Amino acid sequence: MRVLVVEDEVVMARALQRGLAAEGFAVDVATDGDRGLDLALEDDHDAVLLDVMLPGLSGYEVVRAMRAAEIWTPVLMLSAKDGDHDVADGLDLGADDYLAKPFAFVVLVARLRALLRRGAVPRPAVLVVGSLTLDPAARTVRQDGADVELTAREFALLEYLMRRPGQVVGKVELRDHVWDSAGDDLNVVEVYVGYLRRKLGRASVRTVRGAGYVVADGGA
């Protein structure tokens, strides 16, 4: 397994390189964001360890550019910034996991092996289905290039459907994953699908009788 380490602290980078090599990994190292992105875009790594604070491009910019280029190599972000919003920003931009410094090397290796087991699965940071574009990090929805204002619950429902393009999603699954309580009446799903259709067009969410709903391309 080949791992790319993007870390500007030379001592830390060398320690990671030595430690990972001892665990049987082949390791490439970049000490700034621009070089890190160049190596990541070559797409011949099985995982990337990516610091957030880097010279040149930040780790956030690197992972955003990777996902925009449809490079789905698993990314474990490393940072001394461990606030909830810092973690959320990294994950929303396309990272797979986030580890705050200082960390135990054994934990890093365990997290890394978990990502390697998962593999490079497409996880676009910005979701696109037909004329609809949803950006989870920016909390924005656009249809045919125009902004669409959604409530938090409408946004969550649309995001869940757009993460499963072409897949019919049942009412029970939608209720259990989008609403706080699985005890809510299933009618709440129908109500919010109706809200989405009013804002995005009736063809935006298609009903599959007896099965559930599937997001369409957002036509009128």
Protein backbone atom coordinates (compact mmCIF):
# COMPACT_ATOMS: atom_id res chain seq x y z
CA MET A 1 0.00 0.00 0.00
CA ARG A 2 1.36 3.44 -0.97
CA VAL A 3 0.55 6.39 1.27
CA LEU A 4 1.06 10.08 0.57
CA VAL A 5 1.98 12.20 3.61
CA VAL A 6 1.45 15.96 3.17
CA GLU A 7 2.98 17.62 6.24
CA ASP A 8 5.08 20.79 6.46
CA GLU A 9 6.63 20.06 9.88
CA VAL A 10 9.79 18.25 8.78
CA VAL A 11 10.29 16.35 12.03
CA MET A 12 6.69 15.14 11.98
CA ALA A 13 6.89 14.21 8.29
CA ARG A 14 10.05 12.17 8.82
CA ALA A 15 8.59 10.45 11.89
CA LEU A 16 5.46 9.49 9.95
CA GLN A 17 7.53 8.27 7.02
CA ARG A 18 9.71 6.08 9.25
CA GLY A 19 6.81 4.76 11.30
CA LEU A 20 4.64 3.92 8.30
CA ALA A 21 7.55 2.30 6.49
CA ALA A 22 8.08 0.10 9.56
CA GLU A 23 4.41 -0.91 9.27
CA GLY A 24 5.00 -2.04 5.69
CA PHE A 25 3.74 1.01 3.77
CA ALA A 26 5.48 2.70 0.87
CA VAL A 27 5.49 6.42 1.70
CA ASP A 28 5.76 9.57 -0.41
CA VAL A 29 6.14 12.93 1.34
CA ALA A 30 5.22 16.47 0.32
CA THR A 31 5.90 19.46 2.55
CA ASP A 32 3.54 22.02 1.00
CA GLY A 33 0.00 22.02 -0.33
CA ASP A 34 0.84 22.64 -3.98
CA ARG A 35 3.24 19.69 -4.21
CA GLY A 36 0.85 17.59 -2.18
CA LEU A 37 -1.96 18.26 -4.64
CA ASP A 38 0.28 17.48 -7.62
CA LEU A 39 1.13 14.09 -6.13
CA ALA A 40 -2.46 13.40 -5.05
CA LEU A 41 -3.76 14.08 -8.55
CA GLU A 42 -1.48 11.40 -9.95
CA ASP A 43 -3.97 9.03 -8.25
CA ASP A 44 -1.50 6.23 -7.57
CA HIS A 45 -1.78 6.34 -3.77
CA ASP A 46 -4.01 4.17 -1.63
CA ALA A 47 -4.48 6.85 1.05
CA VAL A 48 -3.43 10.42 1.88
CA LEU A 49 -2.45 11.80 5.30
CA LEU A 50 -3.09 15.52 4.91
CA ASP A 51 -2.21 18.31 7.34
CA VAL A 52 -4.60 21.27 7.40
CA MET A 53 -2.16 24.16 7.87
CA LEU A 54 0.29 24.03 4.96
CA PRO A 55 2.38 26.49 2.95
CA GLY A 56 0.66 27.33 -0.32
CA LEU A 57 -2.64 25.51 -0.60
CA SER A 58 -4.23 24.54 2.70
CA GLY A 59 -5.28 20.98 3.40
CA TYR A 60 -8.89 22.05 2.93
CA GLU A 61 -8.07 23.39 -0.55
CA VAL A 62 -6.15 20.24 -1.44
CA VAL A 63 -8.97 17.86 -0.55
CA ARG A 64 -11.53 20.10 -2.28
CA ALA A 65 -9.44 20.09 -5.47
CA MET A 66 -8.98 16.31 -5.28
CA ARG A 67 -12.71 15.67 -5.07
CA ALA A 68 -13.43 18.22 -7.80
CA ALA A 69 -11.05 16.24 -10.02
CA GLU A 70 -12.90 13.03 -9.04
CA ILE A 71 -9.88 11.64 -7.19
CA TRP A 72 -11.49 9.50 -4.47
CA THR A 73 -8.34 8.37 -2.64
CA PRO A 74 -9.22 8.12 1.09
CA VAL A 75 -8.01 11.19 3.01
CA LEU A 76 -7.20 11.35 6.72
CA MET A 77 -6.77 14.97 7.76
CA LEU A 78 -4.30 15.84 10.54
CA SER A 79 -4.52 19.09 12.45
CA ALA A 80 -3.88 20.84 15.74
CA LYS A 81 -7.25 22.52 15.11
CA ASP A 82 -9.76 20.21 16.75
CA GLY A 83 -12.84 22.40 17.10
CA ASP A 84 -16.16 20.97 15.96
CA HIS A 85 -16.35 23.38 13.03
CA ASP A 86 -12.80 22.52 11.91
CA VAL A 87 -13.65 18.82 11.87
CA ALA A 88 -16.95 19.45 10.10
CA ASP A 89 -15.27 21.63 7.45
CA GLY A 90 -12.75 18.91 6.63
CA LEU A 91 -15.37 16.19 6.35
CA ASP A 92 -17.79 18.35 4.36
CA LEU A 93 -15.06 19.18 1.84
CA GLY A 94 -14.46 15.51 1.13
CA ALA A 95 -12.08 14.14 3.78
CA ASP A 96 -12.87 10.68 5.13
CA ASP A 97 -11.58 11.07 8.67
CA TYR A 98 -10.01 13.72 10.91
CA LEU A 99 -7.38 13.20 13.61
CA ALA A 100 -6.36 15.97 16.00
CA LYS A 101 -2.74 16.52 16.97
CA PRO A 102 -1.12 15.29 19.13
CA PHE A 103 -2.17 11.73 18.40
CA ALA A 104 -0.91 8.25 19.21
CA PHE A 105 0.80 6.64 16.23
CA VAL A 106 -1.04 3.36 16.87
CA VAL A 107 -4.36 5.22 16.54
CA LEU A 108 -3.26 6.86 13.28
CA VAL A 109 -2.30 3.46 11.82
CA ALA A 110 -5.63 1.95 12.90
CA ARG A 111 -7.56 4.83 11.31
CA LEU A 112 -5.45 4.50 8.16
CA ARG A 113 -6.07 0.76 7.86
CA ALA A 114 -9.80 1.35 8.33
CA LEU A 115 -9.77 3.79 5.39
CA LEU A 116 -7.79 1.36 3.27
CA ARG A 117 -10.38 -1.36 3.92
CA ARG A 118 -13.08 1.01 2.70
CA GLY A 119 -11.18 1.84 -0.48
CA ALA A 120 -11.59 4.69 -2.95
CA VAL A 121 -15.36 5.02 -3.11
CA PRO A 122 -16.76 8.05 -4.98
CA ARG A 123 -17.87 10.65 -2.40
CA PRO A 124 -18.34 13.95 -4.23
CA ALA A 125 -18.16 17.03 -2.02
CA VAL A 126 -20.75 18.74 -4.24
CA LEU A 127 -23.74 16.66 -5.29
CA VAL A 128 -25.13 17.04 -8.81
CA VAL A 129 -28.24 15.39 -10.22
CA GLY A 130 -29.41 16.83 -13.53
CA SER A 131 -30.04 20.54 -13.08
CA LEU A 132 -29.74 20.35 -9.29
CA THR A 133 -26.51 21.12 -7.44
CA LEU A 134 -26.21 20.77 -3.66
CA ASP A 135 -23.13 21.83 -1.68
CA PRO A 136 -23.26 20.37 1.86
CA ALA A 137 -20.34 22.50 3.08
CA ALA A 138 -21.76 25.81 1.85
CA ARG A 139 -25.35 24.69 2.59
CA THR A 140 -26.49 25.87 -0.83
CA VAL A 141 -28.78 24.47 -3.51
CA ARG A 142 -28.85 25.65 -7.10
CA GLN A 143 -31.20 24.70 -9.91
CA ASP A 144 -30.31 25.67 -13.48
CA GLY A 145 -27.73 28.04 -11.98
CA ALA A 146 -30.21 29.86 -9.72
CA ASP A 147 -30.08 29.74 -5.92
CA VAL A 148 -32.94 27.93 -4.17
CA GLU A 149 -33.74 28.70 -0.53
CA LEU A 150 -34.54 25.59 1.52
CA THR A 151 -35.23 25.11 5.20
CA ALA A 152 -32.82 22.94 7.18
CA ARG A 153 -35.17 19.95 7.01
CA GLU A 154 -35.87 20.38 3.30
CA PHE A 155 -32.12 20.59 2.70
CA ALA A 156 -31.48 17.42 4.72
CA LEU A 157 -34.18 15.52 2.82
CA LEU A 158 -32.86 16.61 -0.57
CA GLU A 159 -29.26 15.82 0.41
CA TYR A 160 -30.23 12.31 1.52
CA LEU A 161 -31.97 11.66 -1.80
CA MET A 162 -29.18 13.21 -3.89
CA ARG A 163 -26.60 10.98 -2.23
CA ARG A 164 -28.56 8.07 -3.71
CA PRO A 165 -29.13 9.12 -7.33
CA GLY A 166 -31.30 6.70 -9.26
CA GLN A 167 -32.09 4.78 -6.06
CA VAL A 168 -35.63 4.52 -4.74
CA VAL A 169 -35.64 5.44 -1.04
CA GLY A 170 -38.53 4.33 1.14
CA LYS A 171 -40.50 6.54 3.52
CA VAL A 172 -39.33 4.67 6.60
CA GLU A 173 -35.66 5.11 5.67
CA LEU A 174 -36.16 8.80 4.97
CA ARG A 175 -38.00 9.34 8.24
CA ASP A 176 -35.39 7.46 10.26
CA HIS A 177 -32.41 9.26 8.74
CA VAL A 178 -33.72 12.79 8.15
CA TRP A 179 -35.91 13.34 11.21
CA ASP A 180 -34.74 13.39 14.80
CA SER A 181 -37.21 10.78 15.96
CA ALA A 182 -38.06 7.53 14.23
CA GLY A 183 -41.43 7.83 15.93
CA ASP A 184 -42.59 10.64 13.65
CA ASP A 185 -45.57 9.87 11.44
CA LEU A 186 -44.63 8.79 7.92
CA ASN A 187 -46.91 11.53 6.60
CA VAL A 188 -44.19 14.04 7.49
CA VAL A 189 -42.11 12.62 4.63
CA GLU A 190 -44.93 13.21 2.15
CA VAL A 191 -45.39 16.75 3.44
CA TYR A 192 -41.73 17.67 2.98
CA VAL A 193 -41.51 16.02 -0.42
CA GLY A 194 -44.40 18.31 -1.34
CA TYR A 195 -42.45 21.33 -0.09
CA LEU A 196 -39.46 20.33 -2.24
CA ARG A 197 -41.65 19.92 -5.30
CA ARG A 198 -43.12 23.40 -4.85
CA LYS A 199 -39.65 24.94 -4.78
CA LEU A 200 -37.90 22.71 -7.32
CA GLY A 201 -40.69 21.59 -9.64
CA ARG A 202 -42.97 18.57 -9.46
CA ALA A 203 -40.56 16.39 -11.43
CA SER A 204 -37.70 17.00 -8.98
CA VAL A 205 -38.72 14.12 -6.70
CA ARG A 206 -40.51 11.21 -8.37
CA THR A 207 -42.83 8.87 -6.50
CA VAL A 208 -42.42 5.16 -7.12
CA ARG A 209 -45.74 3.76 -6.00
CA GLY A 210 -45.43 1.36 -3.11
CA ALA A 211 -41.66 1.82 -2.87
CA GLY A 212 -40.72 5.41 -2.09
CA TYR A 213 -39.06 8.37 -3.77
CA VAL A 214 -36.21 8.98 -6.16
CA VAL A 215 -34.60 12.34 -6.93
CA ALA A 216 -34.91 13.30 -10.59
CA ASP A 217 -33.24 16.08 -12.54
CA GLY A 218 -35.31 18.86 -11.07
CA GLY A 219 -37.51 19.71 -14.00
CA ALA A 220 -40.73 21.69 -13.68
